[in-house]
Each structure stands twice: as structure tokens, then as C-alpha cells.
Amino acid sequence: MRINSISGICLTKLDVLDGLDTIKVCTAYENKSGESALAPTDAEDYEDLVPVYEELPGWSESTLGAKDLDALPENARAYIARIEALVGAPIDIVSTGPDRVETIVLRHAFD
């Protein structure tokens, strides 16, 4: 988000999170002293950082092949909303399986 001026994101593989009790989402980084640090742009610079996680409740219901947002479990919808808030951009597309037809289009990117 800091370098790529995006208007929306595609959240893929939502179905692989099915059955998890909790889902950890990295929300920040700290250096080895415990001080907040910005995410670096170079992969090598992550070596000295520790991720800070927020734990979200998981869901036991299947999302595989869901065709609209209302078909998703409540915690899956809450997860999507939290990702949007953390990233600062709307999620336009959610994939719920390996096939192209297993996709929920929330907003068309070119509208």
C-alpha cells in the first residue's frame, strides 16, 4: 500500500482457512528491542524484525465454492472486513476455491 497506489485487492484461497480455530494476521513489526518498526521494502531487512499478530476467530463451516458474501460464515465475513480495514483498501474479489467459477466479485475493478 505504501508504494503501489491500489484501488482494491483480491483475497485468494479463503477456503484454506476453513476449520482453523484462530487466524493470525500480521499487523505490525517490532525490532529486537521491542520498538515498532515500519515494514521494510527489502526482503533481507525482515531478518531483524519480529511480526506482531492479531488473532481473529476462525470458522468451522466450509467456504469452498461460495458464490456471494452472504453464503460465507459470519467469522469469514468479519475476517474480510478486518483485512480491508488493516490494508486500507476494499477487497474487490474473494476466491473460495481453485476454479475460476469459485469467485465472489464484490466490486468490479473497472467500474
Protein backbone atom coordinates (compact mmCIF):
# COMPACT_ATOMS: atom_id res chain seq x y z
CA MET A 1 0.00 0.00 0.00
CA ARG A 2 2.85 2.39 0.77
CA ILE A 3 4.37 2.15 -2.71
CA ASN A 4 1.68 0.85 -5.07
CA SER A 5 -1.37 3.17 -5.12
CA ILE A 6 -4.00 0.44 -5.39
CA SER A 7 -7.77 0.83 -5.51
CA GLY A 8 -8.73 -2.71 -4.45
CA ILE A 9 -7.34 -6.13 -3.69
CA CYS A 10 -8.11 -9.74 -4.49
CA LEU A 11 -8.25 -12.08 -1.49
CA THR A 12 -7.45 -15.59 -2.65
CA LYS A 13 -7.64 -19.02 -1.03
CA LEU A 14 -10.18 -18.09 1.65
CA ASP A 15 -11.22 -21.75 1.67
CA VAL A 16 -7.84 -22.92 3.00
CA LEU A 17 -8.63 -21.12 6.28
CA ASP A 18 -11.74 -23.27 6.84
CA GLY A 19 -11.57 -25.24 10.08
CA LEU A 20 -8.99 -23.06 11.84
CA ASP A 21 -9.88 -22.05 15.40
CA THR A 22 -8.00 -18.76 15.07
CA ILE A 23 -6.31 -16.90 12.25
CA LYS A 24 -3.21 -14.85 12.92
CA VAL A 25 -2.87 -11.66 10.90
CA CYS A 26 0.40 -9.72 10.97
CA THR A 27 -0.47 -6.11 11.82
CA ALA A 28 2.94 -4.63 12.58
CA TYR A 29 6.62 -5.33 13.09
CA GLU A 30 8.94 -4.74 16.02
CA ASN A 31 12.70 -4.69 16.13
CA LYS A 32 14.55 -6.98 18.52
CA SER A 33 14.31 -4.28 21.22
CA GLY A 34 10.52 -4.39 21.04
CA GLU A 35 10.16 -0.99 19.37
CA SER A 36 7.71 -0.51 16.50
CA ALA A 37 9.29 -0.64 13.05
CA LEU A 38 7.98 0.07 9.58
CA ALA A 39 7.83 -2.86 7.20
CA PRO A 40 10.95 -2.67 5.03
CA THR A 41 10.96 -2.77 1.26
CA ASP A 42 13.91 -5.20 1.04
CA ALA A 43 13.31 -8.85 1.97
CA GLU A 44 16.69 -9.11 3.71
CA ASP A 45 15.69 -6.40 6.18
CA TYR A 46 12.91 -8.58 7.63
CA GLU A 47 15.56 -10.78 9.23
CA ASP A 48 15.89 -8.39 12.19
CA LEU A 49 12.14 -7.84 12.69
CA VAL A 50 9.56 -9.72 14.72
CA PRO A 51 5.95 -9.81 13.44
CA VAL A 52 3.14 -8.63 15.70
CA TYR A 53 -0.01 -10.68 15.23
CA GLU A 54 -3.69 -10.01 15.82
CA GLU A 55 -5.70 -13.18 16.35
CA LEU A 56 -9.11 -13.35 14.71
CA PRO A 57 -11.70 -16.06 15.34
CA GLY A 58 -11.78 -18.76 12.69
CA TRP A 59 -14.75 -20.71 11.35
CA SER A 60 -15.64 -24.36 11.06
CA GLU A 61 -18.09 -24.04 8.14
CA SER A 62 -16.89 -24.52 4.58
CA THR A 63 -16.42 -21.53 2.29
CA LEU A 64 -15.48 -23.73 -0.69
CA GLY A 65 -17.41 -22.64 -3.76
CA ALA A 66 -19.42 -19.88 -2.05
CA LYS A 67 -20.87 -17.58 -4.72
CA ASP A 68 -21.76 -14.50 -2.66
CA LEU A 69 -20.76 -12.80 0.56
CA ASP A 70 -23.94 -13.85 2.39
CA ALA A 71 -23.02 -17.52 1.82
CA LEU A 72 -19.85 -17.11 3.88
CA PRO A 73 -19.71 -17.83 7.62
CA GLU A 74 -20.02 -14.76 9.84
CA ASN A 75 -16.39 -15.01 11.03
CA ALA A 76 -15.17 -15.24 7.42
CA ARG A 77 -17.04 -12.02 6.61
CA ALA A 78 -15.54 -10.41 9.73
CA TYR A 79 -12.08 -11.56 8.59
CA ILE A 80 -12.61 -9.93 5.18
CA ALA A 81 -13.76 -6.69 6.80
CA ARG A 82 -10.74 -6.66 9.13
CA ILE A 83 -8.31 -7.21 6.25
CA GLU A 84 -9.93 -4.29 4.39
CA ALA A 85 -9.53 -2.07 7.46
CA LEU A 86 -5.91 -3.07 8.04
CA VAL A 87 -4.88 -2.73 4.39
CA GLY A 88 -6.83 0.48 3.82
CA ALA A 89 -8.35 -0.69 0.55
CA PRO A 90 -11.51 -2.59 -0.33
CA ILE A 91 -11.45 -6.27 -1.20
CA ASP A 92 -12.92 -6.46 -4.69
CA ILE A 93 -12.65 -10.20 -5.29
CA VAL A 94 -12.67 -13.21 -2.96
CA SER A 95 -11.73 -16.66 -4.23
CA THR A 96 -13.34 -19.58 -2.42
CA GLY A 97 -11.80 -22.46 -4.33
CA PRO A 98 -9.34 -23.43 -7.06
CA ASP A 99 -11.70 -22.97 -10.02
CA ARG A 100 -12.45 -19.62 -11.66
CA VAL A 101 -16.16 -20.00 -11.01
CA GLU A 102 -15.43 -20.19 -7.27
CA THR A 103 -15.04 -16.45 -7.07
CA ILE A 104 -17.08 -13.74 -5.40
CA VAL A 105 -16.87 -10.40 -7.19
CA LEU A 106 -17.75 -7.69 -4.69
CA ARG A 107 -16.78 -4.73 -6.86
CA HIS A 108 -15.74 -4.65 -10.48
CA ALA A 109 -12.28 -3.16 -10.76
CA PHE A 110 -13.01 -1.10 -13.85
CA ASP A 111 -16.39 0.34 -12.87
